[in-house]
């Protein structure tokens, strides 16, 4: 660039001198000046040729250092990337283990809580089962008791029914005896004569006496028998004596019950 500027200034001077009319002087200066300038330019060109390889070497050295620096930086970045990846992996593994342990603890706590609730519910159900079992046993005992009472009352009803039948039979016999006695007395009065009236009256008095002896109380021998003893079914006591008797005065059977017979 300096050489071109110098040549440009020389050319300008040549033109200026031509313009002023000094053609010969300007031409001489131009010719000799050009040779002189060539002599000055050659050392500069040689110096530039010498410096050019040096500059190229410096550029090559700078390029090598840049490549080495880039390789170093790439290796460092790669190493840092690997370290970061390893750190992230380790943190992920640590977080996974931590979450797994936390989940295990939560599951264990929940299981323990559920187990306590289940134990409480089972104990309550066991208590209810025991209570229901006891209630069932009580009901079963009550049913058995009611069955026994039912059988007892059925037996008592059968005994009472038999007693009623016996009383009806006894009352029928008594009524029949009274009817026979009345008919016998009426027939004797109508059939026999007046001369035989005294004899018949004595016989009738004897029959009535026998009947009276049959109906008299076997305990006091004064009042008429009106109480029927059970289970022997003997009509052998008056009402007053029956209250103090524990057994039948005829057969000495233990008295279980007594019924007052209404005999007209």
Protein backbone atom coordinates (compact mmCIF):
# COMPACT_ATOMS: atom_id res chain seq x y z
CA UNK A 1 0.00 0.00 0.00
CA UNK A 2 2.93 2.39 0.75
CA UNK A 3 4.51 1.60 -2.63
CA UNK A 4 1.27 2.30 -4.47
CA UNK A 5 0.86 5.58 -2.64
CA UNK A 6 4.39 6.60 -3.53
CA UNK A 7 3.89 5.69 -7.19
CA UNK A 8 0.63 7.59 -7.20
CA UNK A 9 2.33 10.68 -5.78
CA UNK A 10 5.13 10.43 -8.35
CA UNK A 11 2.67 10.16 -11.18
CA UNK A 12 0.90 13.17 -9.84
CA UNK A 13 4.14 15.10 -9.79
CA UNK A 14 4.82 14.07 -13.38
CA UNK A 15 1.49 15.35 -14.46
CA UNK A 16 2.02 18.57 -12.57
CA UNK A 17 5.36 19.18 -14.19
CA UNK A 18 3.90 18.52 -17.65
CA UNK A 19 1.22 20.97 -16.96
CA UNK A 20 3.78 23.65 -16.06
CA UNK A 21 5.67 23.28 -19.40
CA UNK A 22 8.83 21.73 -18.01
CA UNK A 23 8.55 18.56 -20.07
CA UNK A 24 12.17 17.63 -20.30
CA UNK A 25 12.99 18.23 -16.69
CA UNK A 26 9.93 16.30 -15.58
CA UNK A 27 10.71 13.36 -17.88
CA UNK A 28 14.26 13.10 -16.55
CA UNK A 29 13.03 13.16 -12.99
CA UNK A 30 10.50 10.57 -13.88
CA UNK A 31 12.95 8.16 -15.45
CA UNK A 32 15.68 8.48 -12.88
CA UNK A 33 13.19 8.64 -10.06
CA UNK A 34 11.64 5.39 -11.23
CA UNK A 35 14.94 3.58 -11.19
CA UNK A 36 15.71 4.99 -7.82
CA UNK A 37 12.39 3.89 -6.52
CA UNK A 38 12.91 0.37 -7.86
CA UNK A 39 16.19 0.19 -6.00
CA UNK A 40 14.36 1.21 -2.81
CA UNK A 41 11.46 -1.18 -3.37
CA UNK A 42 13.57 -4.31 -3.86
CA UNK A 43 14.96 -4.40 -0.28
CA UNK A 44 11.47 -3.86 1.06
CA UNK A 45 10.12 -6.73 -1.06
CA UNK A 46 12.92 -8.98 0.12
CA UNK A 47 12.19 -8.05 3.70
CA UNK A 48 8.50 -8.82 3.16
CA UNK A 49 9.38 -12.17 1.60
CA UNK A 50 11.55 -12.98 4.63
CA UNK A 51 8.85 -11.92 7.13
CA UNK A 52 6.05 -13.79 5.34
CA UNK A 53 7.19 -17.34 6.36
CA UNK A 54 7.72 -16.11 9.90
CA UNK A 55 4.16 -14.80 9.98
CA UNK A 56 2.90 -18.04 8.52
CA UNK A 57 4.76 -19.98 11.24
CA UNK A 58 3.25 -17.81 13.89
CA UNK A 59 -0.19 -18.43 12.38
CA UNK A 60 0.46 -22.15 12.34
CA UNK A 61 1.62 -22.01 15.94
CA UNK A 62 -1.42 -19.99 16.91
CA UNK A 63 -3.69 -22.44 15.07
CA UNK A 64 -2.09 -25.40 16.86
CA UNK A 65 -2.49 -23.77 20.22
CA UNK A 66 -6.13 -22.99 19.38
CA UNK A 67 -6.79 -26.59 18.37
CA UNK A 68 -5.10 -27.86 21.52
CA UNK A 69 -7.07 -25.39 23.61
CA UNK A 70 -10.30 -26.45 21.91
CA UNK A 71 -9.51 -30.10 22.47
CA UNK A 72 -8.73 -29.37 26.11
CA UNK A 73 -11.96 -27.45 26.52
CA UNK A 74 -13.95 -30.21 24.81
CA UNK A 75 -12.40 -32.84 27.05
CA UNK A 76 -13.09 -30.72 30.12
CA UNK A 77 -16.69 -30.13 29.03
CA UNK A 78 -17.11 -33.83 28.35
CA UNK A 79 -15.65 -34.67 31.74
CA UNK A 80 -17.93 -32.17 33.43
CA UNK A 81 -20.90 -33.58 31.51
CA UNK A 82 -20.03 -37.09 32.67
CA UNK A 83 -19.64 -35.86 36.24
CA UNK A 84 -22.99 -34.08 36.05
CA UNK A 85 -24.65 -37.19 34.62
CA UNK A 86 -23.10 -39.32 37.33
CA UNK A 87 -24.23 -36.84 39.99
CA UNK A 88 -27.76 -36.79 38.57
CA UNK A 89 -27.84 -40.59 38.48
CA UNK A 90 -26.61 -40.81 42.07
CA UNK A 91 -29.18 -38.23 43.19
CA UNK A 92 -31.93 -40.08 41.32
CA UNK A 93 -30.91 -43.35 42.96
CA UNK A 94 -30.76 -41.68 46.35
CA UNK A 95 -34.18 -40.10 45.78
CA UNK A 96 -35.58 -43.45 44.65
CA UNK A 97 -34.26 -45.20 47.75
CA UNK A 98 -35.57 -42.39 49.93
CA UNK A 99 -39.02 -42.58 48.35
CA UNK A 100 -38.99 -46.36 48.61
CA UNK A 101 -38.09 -46.20 52.29
CA UNK A 102 -40.72 -43.55 52.89
CA UNK A 103 -43.31 -45.68 51.08
CA UNK A 104 -42.32 -48.69 53.19
CA UNK A 105 -42.72 -46.65 56.36
CA UNK A 106 -46.13 -45.38 55.23
CA UNK A 107 -47.27 -48.89 54.33
CA UNK A 108 -46.00 -50.23 57.68
CA UNK A 109 -47.77 -47.43 59.58
CA UNK A 110 -50.97 -48.01 57.63
CA UNK A 111 -50.73 -51.77 58.18
CA UNK A 112 -50.19 -51.25 61.91
CA UNK A 113 -53.15 -48.89 62.07
CA UNK A 114 -55.35 -51.30 60.15
CA UNK A 115 -54.16 -54.18 62.32
CA UNK A 116 -55.09 -52.29 65.49
CA UNK A 117 -58.51 -51.47 64.06
CA UNK A 118 -58.98 -55.06 62.92
CA UNK A 119 -57.98 -56.33 66.36
CA UNK A 120 -60.47 -53.97 67.99
CA UNK A 121 -63.23 -55.01 65.60
CA UNK A 122 -62.44 -58.69 66.13
CA UNK A 123 -62.55 -58.25 69.90
CA UNK A 124 -65.90 -56.48 69.59
CA UNK A 125 -67.22 -59.21 67.33
CA UNK A 126 -65.96 -61.87 69.76
CA UNK A 127 -67.74 -60.10 72.61
CA UNK A 128 -70.92 -59.88 70.53
CA UNK A 129 -70.57 -63.57 69.63
CA UNK A 130 -70.17 -64.53 73.29
CA UNK A 131 -73.17 -62.38 74.18
CA UNK A 132 -75.23 -63.94 71.40
CA UNK A 133 -74.14 -67.42 72.50
CA UNK A 134 -75.16 -66.71 76.08
CA UNK A 135 -78.47 -65.31 74.88
CA UNK A 136 -79.02 -68.41 72.75
CA UNK A 137 -78.29 -70.64 75.74
CA UNK A 138 -80.69 -68.64 77.88
CA UNK A 139 -83.38 -68.93 75.22
CA UNK A 140 -82.71 -72.66 74.89
CA UNK A 141 -82.99 -73.10 78.64
CA UNK A 142 -86.20 -71.09 78.59
CA UNK A 143 -87.56 -73.26 75.79
CA UNK A 144 -86.65 -76.41 77.73
CA UNK A 145 -88.28 -74.98 80.83
CA UNK A 146 -91.41 -74.08 78.88
CA UNK A 147 -91.50 -77.57 77.38
CA UNK A 148 -91.23 -79.10 80.84
CA UNK A 149 -93.96 -76.79 82.12
CA UNK A 150 -96.05 -77.68 79.10
CA UNK A 151 -95.64 -81.36 79.82
CA UNK A 152 -96.43 -80.75 83.49
CA UNK A 153 -99.55 -78.78 82.68
CA UNK A 154 -100.56 -81.39 80.13
CA UNK A 155 -100.18 -84.10 82.78
CA UNK A 156 -102.13 -81.98 85.26
CA UNK A 157 -104.81 -81.41 82.64
CA UNK A 158 -105.00 -85.14 81.99
CA UNK A 159 -105.24 -85.80 85.73
CA UNK A 160 -107.91 -83.14 86.08
CA UNK A 161 -109.77 -84.62 83.14
CA UNK A 162 -109.60 -88.06 84.73
CA UNK A 163 -110.69 -86.57 88.03
CA UNK A 164 -113.65 -84.87 86.37
CA UNK A 165 -114.63 -88.15 84.76
CA UNK A 166 -114.31 -89.90 88.11
CA UNK A 167 -116.32 -87.20 89.83
CA UNK A 168 -119.00 -87.46 87.21
CA UNK A 169 -119.11 -91.22 87.69
CA UNK A 170 -119.23 -90.83 91.47
CA UNK A 171 -121.95 -88.21 91.27
CA UNK A 172 -123.90 -90.45 88.89
CA UNK A 173 -123.59 -93.37 91.28
CA UNK A 174 -124.72 -91.22 94.21
CA UNK A 175 -127.65 -89.86 92.28
CA UNK A 176 -128.57 -93.40 91.21
CA UNK A 177 -128.39 -94.61 94.82
CA UNK A 178 -130.62 -91.75 95.95
CA UNK A 179 -133.06 -92.52 93.15
CA UNK A 180 -133.14 -96.24 94.03
CA UNK A 181 -133.69 -95.45 97.71
CA UNK A 182 -136.59 -93.14 96.93
CA UNK A 183 -138.23 -95.63 94.56
CA UNK A 184 -137.78 -98.44 97.08
CA UNK A 185 -139.41 -96.45 99.83
CA UNK A 186 -142.33 -95.45 97.61
CA UNK A 187 -142.88 -99.08 96.42
CA UNK A 188 -142.88 -100.46 99.95
CA UNK A 189 -145.42 -97.89 101.09
CA UNK A 190 -147.76 -98.69 98.19
CA UNK A 191 -147.49 -102.53 98.19
CA UNK A 192 -147.74 -103.48 101.86
CA UNK A 193 -150.69 -103.11 104.14
CA UNK A 194 -151.04 -101.03 107.20
CA UNK A 195 -150.32 -103.96 109.47
CA UNK A 196 -146.97 -104.39 107.96
CA UNK A 197 -146.17 -100.64 108.05
CA UNK A 198 -144.30 -100.87 111.30
CA UNK A 199 -142.05 -103.67 110.07
CA UNK A 200 -141.31 -101.88 106.80
CA UNK A 201 -140.62 -98.63 108.54
CA UNK A 202 -138.07 -100.38 110.69
CA UNK A 203 -136.43 -101.86 107.59
CA UNK A 204 -136.44 -98.48 105.90
CA UNK A 205 -134.93 -96.89 108.94
CA UNK A 206 -132.23 -99.55 108.90
CA UNK A 207 -131.49 -98.86 105.19
CA UNK A 208 -131.42 -95.14 105.80
CA UNK A 209 -129.14 -95.75 108.77
CA UNK A 210 -126.81 -97.79 106.58
CA UNK A 211 -126.87 -95.05 103.92
CA UNK A 212 -126.22 -92.47 106.56
CA UNK A 213 -123.27 -94.48 107.83
CA UNK A 214 -121.92 -94.62 104.30
CA UNK A 215 -122.15 -90.81 103.86
CA UNK A 216 -120.84 -89.85 107.31
CA UNK A 217 -117.37 -88.33 107.71
CA UNK A 218 -114.77 -90.98 108.47
CA UNK A 219 -112.83 -88.54 110.59
CA UNK A 220 -115.37 -86.95 112.92
CA UNK A 221 -118.22 -89.49 112.34
CA UNK A 222 -120.75 -86.71 112.76
CA UNK A 223 -120.91 -84.55 109.64
CA UNK A 224 -121.68 -85.81 106.16
CA UNK A 225 -118.90 -86.54 103.69
CA UNK A 226 -118.68 -83.89 100.98
CA UNK A 227 -114.98 -83.81 100.09
CA UNK A 228 -113.42 -86.10 97.47
CA UNK A 229 -109.78 -87.02 98.03
CA UNK A 230 -107.35 -87.32 95.10
CA UNK A 231 -105.91 -89.44 93.68
CA UNK A 232 -107.71 -92.23 95.55
CA UNK A 233 -111.15 -90.65 94.77
CA UNK A 234 -112.74 -91.51 98.12
CA UNK A 235 -115.64 -89.37 99.27
CA UNK A 236 -114.95 -89.78 102.96
CA UNK A 237 -114.50 -86.48 104.75
CA UNK A 238 -116.36 -83.37 105.61
CA UNK A 239 -115.19 -79.92 104.64
CA UNK A 240 -113.92 -79.03 108.10
CA UNK A 241 -111.90 -82.23 108.59
CA UNK A 242 -110.50 -82.19 105.04
CA UNK A 243 -108.54 -79.02 105.83
CA UNK A 244 -106.50 -80.89 108.48
CA UNK A 245 -106.10 -84.27 106.76
CA UNK A 246 -102.95 -85.10 104.76
CA UNK A 247 -104.08 -88.57 103.67
CA UNK A 248 -107.27 -90.39 102.92
CA UNK A 249 -108.92 -91.76 106.13
CA UNK A 250 -110.14 -94.82 104.21
CA UNK A 251 -107.01 -96.04 102.34
CA UNK A 252 -104.34 -93.78 103.91
CA UNK A 253 -103.18 -92.60 100.45
CA UNK A 254 -101.33 -89.28 100.51
CA UNK A 255 -103.64 -86.45 99.56
CA UNK A 256 -102.52 -84.47 96.50
CA UNK A 257 -105.72 -82.52 96.10
CA UNK A 258 -109.30 -82.43 97.27
CA UNK A 259 -112.55 -81.37 95.67
CA UNK A 260 -115.76 -80.45 97.40
CA UNK A 261 -118.71 -82.41 96.00
CA UNK A 262 -122.03 -80.58 95.85
CA UNK A 263 -124.63 -83.26 96.66
CA UNK A 264 -128.28 -82.30 97.04
